[in-house]
Amino acid sequence: MAAPLGRDTLPDHWSYGVCRDGRVFFINDKTQSTTWLHPRTGEPVNSGHMIRSDLPRGWEEGFSDEGASYFIKWALREQTQ
């Protein structure tokens, strides 16, 4: 079973982040160390996001600190000689 995710479920001095691929990691702000396991339950958290390889050229999927996905369109530059 995946651990619940929410700032109120974390012990003091802990926060979390979300990698580009949607994986949630936890940060011990006191020791400046990270872990994939929830500090209370010892379990990884499933954010429900998957790595996307089906986006059109120039688009990228990003994730907010809360794990919500959003899409970014990068400006493509043409190289001139």
PDB file of N, CA and C in Angstrom:
ATOM      1  N   MET A   1       0.846  -1.183   0.000  1.00  0.00           N
ATOM      2  CA  MET A   1       0.000   0.000   0.000  1.00  0.00           C
ATOM      3  C   MET A   1       0.888   1.241   0.000  1.00  0.00           C
ATOM      4  N   ALA A   2       0.573   2.204  -0.816  1.00  0.00           N
ATOM      5  CA  ALA A   2       1.360   3.440  -0.894  1.00  0.00           C
ATOM      6  C   ALA A   2       1.018   4.345   0.275  1.00  0.00           C
ATOM      7  N   ALA A   3       2.023   5.060   0.740  1.00  0.00           N
ATOM      8  CA  ALA A   3       1.824   5.987   1.847  1.00  0.00           C
ATOM      9  C   ALA A   3       1.034   7.202   1.382  1.00  0.00           C
ATOM     10  N   PRO A   4       0.215   7.798   2.275  1.00  0.00           N
ATOM     11  CA  PRO A   4      -0.496   9.021   1.895  1.00  0.00           C
ATOM     12  C   PRO A   4       0.485  10.167   1.771  1.00  0.00           C
ATOM     13  N   LEU A   5       0.161  11.105   0.898  1.00  0.00           N
ATOM     14  CA  LEU A   5       1.046  12.245   0.701  1.00  0.00           C
ATOM     15  C   LEU A   5       0.319  13.515   1.089  1.00  0.00           C
ATOM     16  N   GLY A   6       0.933  14.276   1.951  1.00  0.00           N
ATOM     17  CA  GLY A   6       0.389  15.557   2.383  1.00  0.00           C
ATOM     18  C   GLY A   6       1.334  16.144   3.405  1.00  0.00           C
ATOM     19  N   ARG A   7       1.461  17.463   3.382  1.00  0.00           N
ATOM     20  CA  ARG A   7       2.405  18.093   4.304  1.00  0.00           C
ATOM     21  C   ARG A   7       2.058  17.808   5.760  1.00  0.00           C
ATOM     22  N   ASP A   8       0.754  17.620   6.050  1.00  0.00           N
ATOM     23  CA  ASP A   8       0.374  17.370   7.439  1.00  0.00           C
ATOM     24  C   ASP A   8       0.728  15.964   7.902  1.00  0.00           C
ATOM     25  N   THR A   9       1.054  15.049   6.976  1.00  0.00           N
ATOM     26  CA  THR A   9       1.417  13.688   7.375  1.00  0.00           C
ATOM     27  C   THR A   9       2.919  13.535   7.601  1.00  0.00           C
ATOM     28  N   LEU A  10       3.691  14.577   7.295  1.00  0.00           N
ATOM     29  CA  LEU A  10       5.143  14.493   7.446  1.00  0.00           C
ATOM     30  C   LEU A  10       5.563  14.937   8.848  1.00  0.00           C
ATOM     31  N   PRO A  11       6.605  14.304   9.395  1.00  0.00           N
ATOM     32  CA  PRO A  11       7.126  14.751  10.685  1.00  0.00           C
ATOM     33  C   PRO A  11       7.752  16.144  10.567  1.00  0.00           C
ATOM     34  N   ASP A  12       7.991  16.779  11.707  1.00  0.00           N
ATOM     35  CA  ASP A  12       8.678  18.070  11.715  1.00  0.00           C
ATOM     36  C   ASP A  12      10.006  17.962  10.986  1.00  0.00           C
ATOM     37  N   HIS A  13      10.388  19.015  10.311  1.00  0.00           N
ATOM     38  CA  HIS A  13      11.669  19.128   9.600  1.00  0.00           C
ATOM     39  C   HIS A  13      11.736  18.264   8.344  1.00  0.00           C
ATOM     40  N   TRP A  14      10.584  17.816   7.833  1.00  0.00           N
ATOM     41  CA  TRP A  14      10.555  17.050   6.596  1.00  0.00           C
ATOM     42  C   TRP A  14       9.714  17.788   5.565  1.00  0.00           C
ATOM     43  N   SER A  15      10.102  17.691   4.304  1.00  0.00           N
ATOM     44  CA  SER A  15       9.321  18.200   3.181  1.00  0.00           C
ATOM     45  C   SER A  15       9.442  17.184   2.059  1.00  0.00           C
ATOM     46  N   TYR A  16       8.811  17.463   0.924  1.00  0.00           N
ATOM     47  CA  TYR A  16       8.920  16.525  -0.192  1.00  0.00           C
ATOM     48  C   TYR A  16       9.041  17.278  -1.501  1.00  0.00           C
ATOM     49  N   GLY A  17       9.506  16.562  -2.513  1.00  0.00           N
ATOM     50  CA  GLY A  17       9.626  17.094  -3.855  1.00  0.00           C
ATOM     51  C   GLY A  17       9.153  16.043  -4.833  1.00  0.00           C
ATOM     52  N   VAL A  18       9.012  16.458  -6.089  1.00  0.00           N
ATOM     53  CA  VAL A  18       8.545  15.560  -7.141  1.00  0.00           C
ATOM     54  C   VAL A  18       9.526  15.653  -8.308  1.00  0.00           C
ATOM     55  N   CYS A  19      10.072  14.522  -8.710  1.00  0.00           N
ATOM     56  CA  CYS A  19      10.983  14.476  -9.860  1.00  0.00           C
ATOM     57  C   CYS A  19      10.189  14.701 -11.142  1.00  0.00           C
ATOM     58  N   ARG A  20      10.907  14.987 -12.222  1.00  0.00           N
ATOM     59  CA  ARG A  20      10.255  15.200 -13.522  1.00  0.00           C
ATOM     60  C   ARG A  20       9.424  14.000 -13.958  1.00  0.00           C
ATOM     61  N   ASP A  21       9.811  12.805 -13.532  1.00  0.00           N
ATOM     62  CA  ASP A  21       9.051  11.621 -13.936  1.00  0.00           C
ATOM     63  C   ASP A  21       7.909  11.308 -12.981  1.00  0.00           C
ATOM     64  N   GLY A  22       7.679  12.176 -11.998  1.00  0.00           N
ATOM     65  CA  GLY A  22       6.548  12.004 -11.095  1.00  0.00           C
ATOM     66  C   GLY A  22       6.853  11.282  -9.804  1.00  0.00           C
ATOM     67  N   ARG A  23       8.065  10.783  -9.649  1.00  0.00           N
ATOM     68  CA  ARG A  23       8.398  10.092  -8.404  1.00  0.00           C
ATOM     69  C   ARG A  23       8.522  11.101  -7.264  1.00  0.00           C
ATOM     70  N   VAL A  24       7.955  10.755  -6.126  1.00  0.00           N
ATOM     71  CA  VAL A  24       7.987  11.615  -4.949  1.00  0.00           C
ATOM     72  C   VAL A  24       9.182  11.227  -4.089  1.00  0.00           C
ATOM     73  N   PHE A  25       9.932  12.237  -3.627  1.00  0.00           N
ATOM     74  CA  PHE A  25      11.038  11.988  -2.692  1.00  0.00           C
ATOM     75  C   PHE A  25      10.860  12.886  -1.480  1.00  0.00           C
ATOM     76  N   PHE A  26      11.491  12.514  -0.390  1.00  0.00           N
ATOM     77  CA  PHE A  26      11.345  13.232   0.875  1.00  0.00           C
ATOM     78  C   PHE A  26      12.678  13.823   1.291  1.00  0.00           C
ATOM     79  N   ILE A  27      12.610  15.008   1.892  1.00  0.00           N
ATOM     80  CA  ILE A  27      13.805  15.758   2.264  1.00  0.00           C
ATOM     81  C   ILE A  27      13.798  15.982   3.765  1.00  0.00           C
ATOM     82  N   ASN A  28      14.860  15.537   4.425  1.00  0.00           N
ATOM     83  CA  ASN A  28      15.047  15.850   5.836  1.00  0.00           C
ATOM     84  C   ASN A  28      15.764  17.199   5.875  1.00  0.00           C
ATOM     85  N   ASP A  29      15.024  18.249   6.209  1.00  0.00           N
ATOM     86  CA  ASP A  29      15.570  19.599   6.164  1.00  0.00           C
ATOM     87  C   ASP A  29      16.665  19.830   7.204  1.00  0.00           C
ATOM     88  N   LYS A  30      16.677  19.035   8.260  1.00  0.00           N
ATOM     89  CA  LYS A  30      17.715  19.166   9.293  1.00  0.00           C
ATOM     90  C   LYS A  30      19.047  18.603   8.826  1.00  0.00           C
ATOM     91  N   THR A  31      19.011  17.418   8.230  1.00  0.00           N
ATOM     92  CA  THR A  31      20.247  16.746   7.831  1.00  0.00           C
ATOM     93  C   THR A  31      20.586  16.972   6.359  1.00  0.00           C
ATOM     94  N   GLN A  32      19.655  17.611   5.616  1.00  0.00           N
ATOM     95  CA  GLN A  32      19.827  17.848   4.181  1.00  0.00           C
ATOM     96  C   GLN A  32      20.022  16.539   3.413  1.00  0.00           C
ATOM     97  N   SER A  33      19.298  15.501   3.835  1.00  0.00           N
ATOM     98  CA  SER A  33      19.357  14.209   3.154  1.00  0.00           C
ATOM     99  C   SER A  33      17.997  13.910   2.525  1.00  0.00           C
ATOM    100  N   THR A  34      17.980  13.001   1.555  1.00  0.00           N
ATOM    101  CA  THR A  34      16.742  12.638   0.875  1.00  0.00           C
ATOM    102  C   THR A  34      16.533  11.134   0.918  1.00  0.00           C
ATOM    103  N   THR A  35      15.285  10.731   0.717  1.00  0.00           N
ATOM    104  CA  THR A  35      14.926   9.328   0.670  1.00  0.00           C
ATOM    105  C   THR A  35      13.693   9.160  -0.212  1.00  0.00           C
ATOM    106  N   TRP A  36      13.552   7.985  -0.813  1.00  0.00           N
ATOM    107  CA  TRP A  36      12.354   7.672  -1.592  1.00  0.00           C
ATOM    108  C   TRP A  36      11.233   7.195  -0.678  1.00  0.00           C
ATOM    109  N   LEU A  37      11.535   6.878   0.569  1.00  0.00           N
ATOM    110  CA  LEU A  37      10.560   6.287   1.482  1.00  0.00           C
ATOM    111  C   LEU A  37       9.943   7.346   2.392  1.00  0.00           C
ATOM    112  N   HIS A  38       8.627   7.261   2.586  1.00  0.00           N
ATOM    113  CA  HIS A  38       7.921   8.188   3.472  1.00  0.00           C
ATOM    114  C   HIS A  38       8.510   8.057   4.879  1.00  0.00           C
ATOM    115  N   PRO A  39       8.851   9.173   5.525  1.00  0.00           N
ATOM    116  CA  PRO A  39       9.531   9.087   6.823  1.00  0.00           C
ATOM    117  C   PRO A  39       8.686   8.487   7.945  1.00  0.00           C
ATOM    118  N   ARG A  40       7.380   8.514   7.848  1.00  0.00           N
ATOM    119  CA  ARG A  40       6.538   7.897   8.895  1.00  0.00           C
ATOM    120  C   ARG A  40       6.267   6.416   8.618  1.00  0.00           C
ATOM    121  N   THR A  41       5.990   6.088   7.358  1.00  0.00           N
ATOM    122  CA  THR A  41       5.558   4.717   7.049  1.00  0.00           C
ATOM    123  C   THR A  41       6.680   3.822   6.532  1.00  0.00           C
ATOM    124  N   GLY A  42       7.751   4.439   6.001  1.00  0.00           N
ATOM    125  CA  GLY A  42       8.818   3.651   5.403  1.00  0.00           C
ATOM    126  C   GLY A  42       8.453   3.085   4.043  1.00  0.00           C
ATOM    127  N   GLU A  43       7.370   3.594   3.436  1.00  0.00           N
ATOM    128  CA  GLU A  43       6.915   3.106   2.136  1.00  0.00           C
ATOM    129  C   GLU A  43       7.127   4.163   1.060  1.00  0.00           C
ATOM    130  N   PRO A  44       7.341   3.735  -0.193  1.00  0.00           N
ATOM    131  CA  PRO A  44       7.396   4.714  -1.285  1.00  0.00           C
ATOM    132  C   PRO A  44       5.996   5.260  -1.538  1.00  0.00           C
ATOM    133  N   VAL A  45       5.925   6.415  -2.178  1.00  0.00           N
ATOM    134  CA  VAL A  45       4.641   7.026  -2.507  1.00  0.00           C
ATOM    135  C   VAL A  45       4.425   6.960  -4.008  1.00  0.00           C
ATOM    136  N   ASN A  46       3.260   6.522  -4.416  1.00  0.00           N
ATOM    137  CA  ASN A  46       2.886   6.492  -5.818  1.00  0.00           C
ATOM    138  C   ASN A  46       2.120   7.768  -6.121  1.00  0.00           C
ATOM    139  N   SER A  47       2.695   8.641  -6.938  1.00  0.00           N
ATOM    140  CA  SER A  47       2.047   9.912  -7.254  1.00  0.00           C
ATOM    141  C   SER A  47       1.005   9.771  -8.351  1.00  0.00           C
ATOM    142  N   GLY A  48       0.991   8.628  -9.039  1.00  0.00           N
ATOM    143  CA  GLY A  48       0.039   8.426 -10.117  1.00  0.00           C
ATOM    144  C   GLY A  48       0.512   8.963 -11.460  1.00  0.00           C
ATOM    145  N   HIS A  49       1.727   9.491 -11.533  1.00  0.00           N
ATOM    146  CA  HIS A  49       2.243  10.035 -12.785  1.00  0.00           C
ATOM    147  C   HIS A  49       3.201   9.041 -13.421  1.00  0.00           C
ATOM    148  N   MET A  50       3.177   9.022 -14.725  1.00  0.00           N
ATOM    149  CA  MET A  50       4.048   8.138 -15.481  1.00  0.00           C
ATOM    150  C   MET A  50       4.962   8.972 -16.369  1.00  0.00           C
ATOM    151  N   ILE A  51       6.094   8.390 -16.770  1.00  0.00           N
ATOM    152  CA  ILE A  51       6.982   9.053 -17.718  1.00  0.00           C
ATOM    153  C   ILE A  51       6.257   9.132 -19.060  1.00  0.00           C
ATOM    154  N   ARG A  52       6.263  10.307 -19.665  1.00  0.00           N
ATOM    155  CA  ARG A  52       5.565  10.519 -20.925  1.00  0.00           C
ATOM    156  C   ARG A  52       6.558  10.537 -22.070  1.00  0.00           C
ATOM    157  N   SER A  53       6.348   9.676 -23.044  1.00  0.00           N
ATOM    158  CA  SER A  53       7.185   9.690 -24.236  1.00  0.00           C
ATOM    159  C   SER A  53       6.345   9.973 -25.475  1.00  0.00           C
ATOM    160  N   ASP A  54       5.073  10.282 -25.269  1.00  0.00           N
ATOM    161  CA  ASP A  54       4.160  10.464 -26.397  1.00  0.00           C
ATOM    162  C   ASP A  54       3.855  11.932 -26.707  1.00  0.00           C
ATOM    163  N   LEU A  55       4.613  12.849 -26.128  1.00  0.00           N
ATOM    164  CA  LEU A  55       4.363  14.266 -26.363  1.00  0.00           C
ATOM    165  C   LEU A  55       4.972  14.721 -27.683  1.00  0.00           C
ATOM    166  N   PRO A  56       4.361  15.685 -28.335  1.00  0.00           N
ATOM    167  CA  PRO A  56       4.928  16.205 -29.585  1.00  0.00           C
ATOM    168  C   PRO A  56       6.282  16.868 -29.346  1.00  0.00           C
ATOM    169  N   ARG A  57       7.048  16.992 -30.413  1.00  0.00           N
ATOM    170  CA  ARG A  57       8.361  17.628 -30.335  1.00  0.00           C
ATOM    171  C   ARG A  57       8.224  19.045 -29.763  1.00  0.00           C
ATOM    172  N   GLY A  58       9.091  19.392 -28.830  1.00  0.00           N
ATOM    173  CA  GLY A  58       9.082  20.716 -28.226  1.00  0.00           C
ATOM    174  C   GLY A  58       8.232  20.815 -26.971  1.00  0.00           C
ATOM    175  N   TRP A  59       7.535  19.753 -26.616  1.00  0.00           N
ATOM    176  CA  TRP A  59       6.708  19.754 -25.409  1.00  0.00           C
ATOM    177  C   TRP A  59       7.345  18.887 -24.335  1.00  0.00           C
ATOM    178  N   GLU A  60       7.156  19.289 -23.105  1.00  0.00           N
ATOM    179  CA  GLU A  60       7.697  18.553 -21.964  1.00  0.00           C
ATOM    180  C   GLU A  60       6.654  18.580 -20.853  1.00  0.00           C
ATOM    181  N   GLU A  61       6.582  17.505 -20.100  1.00  0.00           N
ATOM    182  CA  GLU A  61       5.683  17.459 -18.957  1.00  0.00           C
ATOM    183  C   GLU A  61       6.475  17.808 -17.707  1.00  0.00           C
ATOM    184  N   GLY A  62       5.935  18.679 -16.899  1.00  0.00           N
ATOM    185  CA  GLY A  62       6.549  19.042 -15.626  1.00  0.00           C
ATOM    186  C   GLY A  62       5.605  18.712 -14.492  1.00  0.00           C
ATOM    187  N   PHE A  63       6.103  18.811 -13.277  1.00  0.00           N
ATOM    188  CA  PHE A  63       5.301  18.503 -12.109  1.00  0.00           C
ATOM    189  C   PHE A  63       5.486  19.575 -11.055  1.00  0.00           C
ATOM    190  N   SER A  64       4.394  19.994 -10.445  1.00  0.00           N
ATOM    191  CA  SER A  64       4.462  20.971  -9.363  1.00  0.00           C
ATOM    192  C   SER A  64       4.955  20.275  -8.094  1.00  0.00           C
ATOM    193  N   ASP A  65       5.245  21.053  -7.065  1.00  0.00           N
ATOM    194  CA  ASP A  65       5.687  20.480  -5.792  1.00  0.00           C
ATOM    195  C   ASP A  65       4.632  19.556  -5.198  1.00  0.00           C
ATOM    196  N   GLU A  66       3.382  19.769  -5.555  1.00  0.00           N
ATOM    197  CA  GLU A  66       2.302  18.931  -5.043  1.00  0.00           C
ATOM    198  C   GLU A  66       2.066  17.697  -5.909  1.00  0.00           C
ATOM    199  N   GLY A  67       2.795  17.586  -7.027  1.00  0.00           N
ATOM    200  CA  GLY A  67       2.677  16.416  -7.888  1.00  0.00           C
ATOM    201  C   GLY A  67       1.727  16.577  -9.053  1.00  0.00           C
ATOM    202  N   ALA A  68       1.134  17.757  -9.218  1.00  0.00           N
ATOM    203  CA  ALA A  68       0.239  17.989 -10.356  1.00  0.00           C
ATOM    204  C   ALA A  68       1.066  18.167 -11.629  1.00  0.00           C
ATOM    205  N   SER A  69       0.599  17.578 -12.723  1.00  0.00           N
ATOM    206  CA  SER A  69       1.347  17.703 -13.974  1.00  0.00           C
ATOM    207  C   SER A  69       0.927  18.960 -14.719  1.00  0.00           C
ATOM    208  N   TYR A  70       1.855  19.475 -15.496  1.00  0.00           N
ATOM    209  CA  TYR A  70       1.589  20.587 -16.398  1.00  0.00           C
ATOM    210  C   TYR A  70       2.497  20.423 -17.606  1.00  0.00           C
ATOM    211  N   PHE A  71       2.183  21.120 -18.687  1.00  0.00           N
ATOM    212  CA  PHE A  71       2.927  20.944 -19.929  1.00  0.00           C
ATOM    213  C   PHE A  71       3.611  22.241 -20.328  1.00  0.00           C
ATOM    214  N   ILE A  72       4.825  22.123 -20.865  1.00  0.00           N
ATOM    215  CA  ILE A  72       5.657  23.251 -21.251  1.00  0.00           C
ATOM    216  C   ILE A  72       5.974  23.100 -22.730  1.00  0.00           C
ATOM    217  N   LYS A  73       5.778  24.155 -23.493  1.00  0.00           N
ATOM    218  CA  LYS A  73       6.168  24.149 -24.905  1.00  0.00           C
ATOM    219  C   LYS A  73       7.426  24.992 -25.037  1.00  0.00           C
ATOM    220  N   TRP A  74       8.501  24.350 -25.405  1.00  0.00           N
ATOM    221  CA  TRP A  74       9.777  25.034 -25.574  1.00  0.00           C
ATOM    222  C   TRP A  74       9.835  25.660 -26.956  1.00  0.00           C
ATOM    223  N   ALA A  75      10.375  26.841 -27.037  1.00  0.00           N
ATOM    224  CA  ALA A  75      10.550  27.501 -28.334  1.00  0.00           C
ATOM    225  C   ALA A  75      11.688  26.798 -29.076  1.00  0.00           C
ATOM    226  N   LEU A  76      11.410  26.388 -30.278  1.00  0.00           N
ATOM    227  CA  LEU A  76      12.434  25.729 -31.088  1.00  0.00           C
ATOM    228  C   LEU A  76      13.146  26.790 -31.919  1.00  0.00           C
ATOM    229  N   ARG A  77      14.457  26.774 -31.851  1.00  0.00           N
ATOM    230  CA  ARG A  77      15.253  27.745 -32.622  1.00  0.00           C
ATOM    231  C   ARG A  77      15.757  27.103 -33.892  1.00  0.00           C
ATOM    232  N   GLU A  78      15.609  27.797 -34.964  1.00  0.00           N
ATOM    233  CA  GLU A  78      16.199  27.325 -36.218  1.00  0.00           C
ATOM    234  C   GLU A  78      17.619  27.836 -36.288  1.00  0.00           C
ATOM    235  N   GLN A  79      18.520  26.957 -36.667  1.00  0.00           N
ATOM    236  CA  GLN A  79      19.906  27.365 -36.793  1.00  0.00           C
ATOM    237  C   GLN A  79      20.137  27.917 -38.188  1.00  0.00           C
ATOM    238  N   THR A  80      20.706  29.110 -38.265  1.00  0.00           N
ATOM    239  CA  THR A  80      21.009  29.712 -39.559  1.00  0.00           C
ATOM    240  C   THR A  80      22.515  29.771 -39.733  1.00  0.00           C
ATOM    241  N   GLN A  81      22.928  29.705 -40.946  1.00  0.00           N
ATOM    242  CA  GLN A  81      24.353  29.755 -41.210  1.00  0.00           C
ATOM    243  C   GLN A  81      24.694  30.929 -42.077  1.00  0.00           C
TER     244      GLN A  81
END
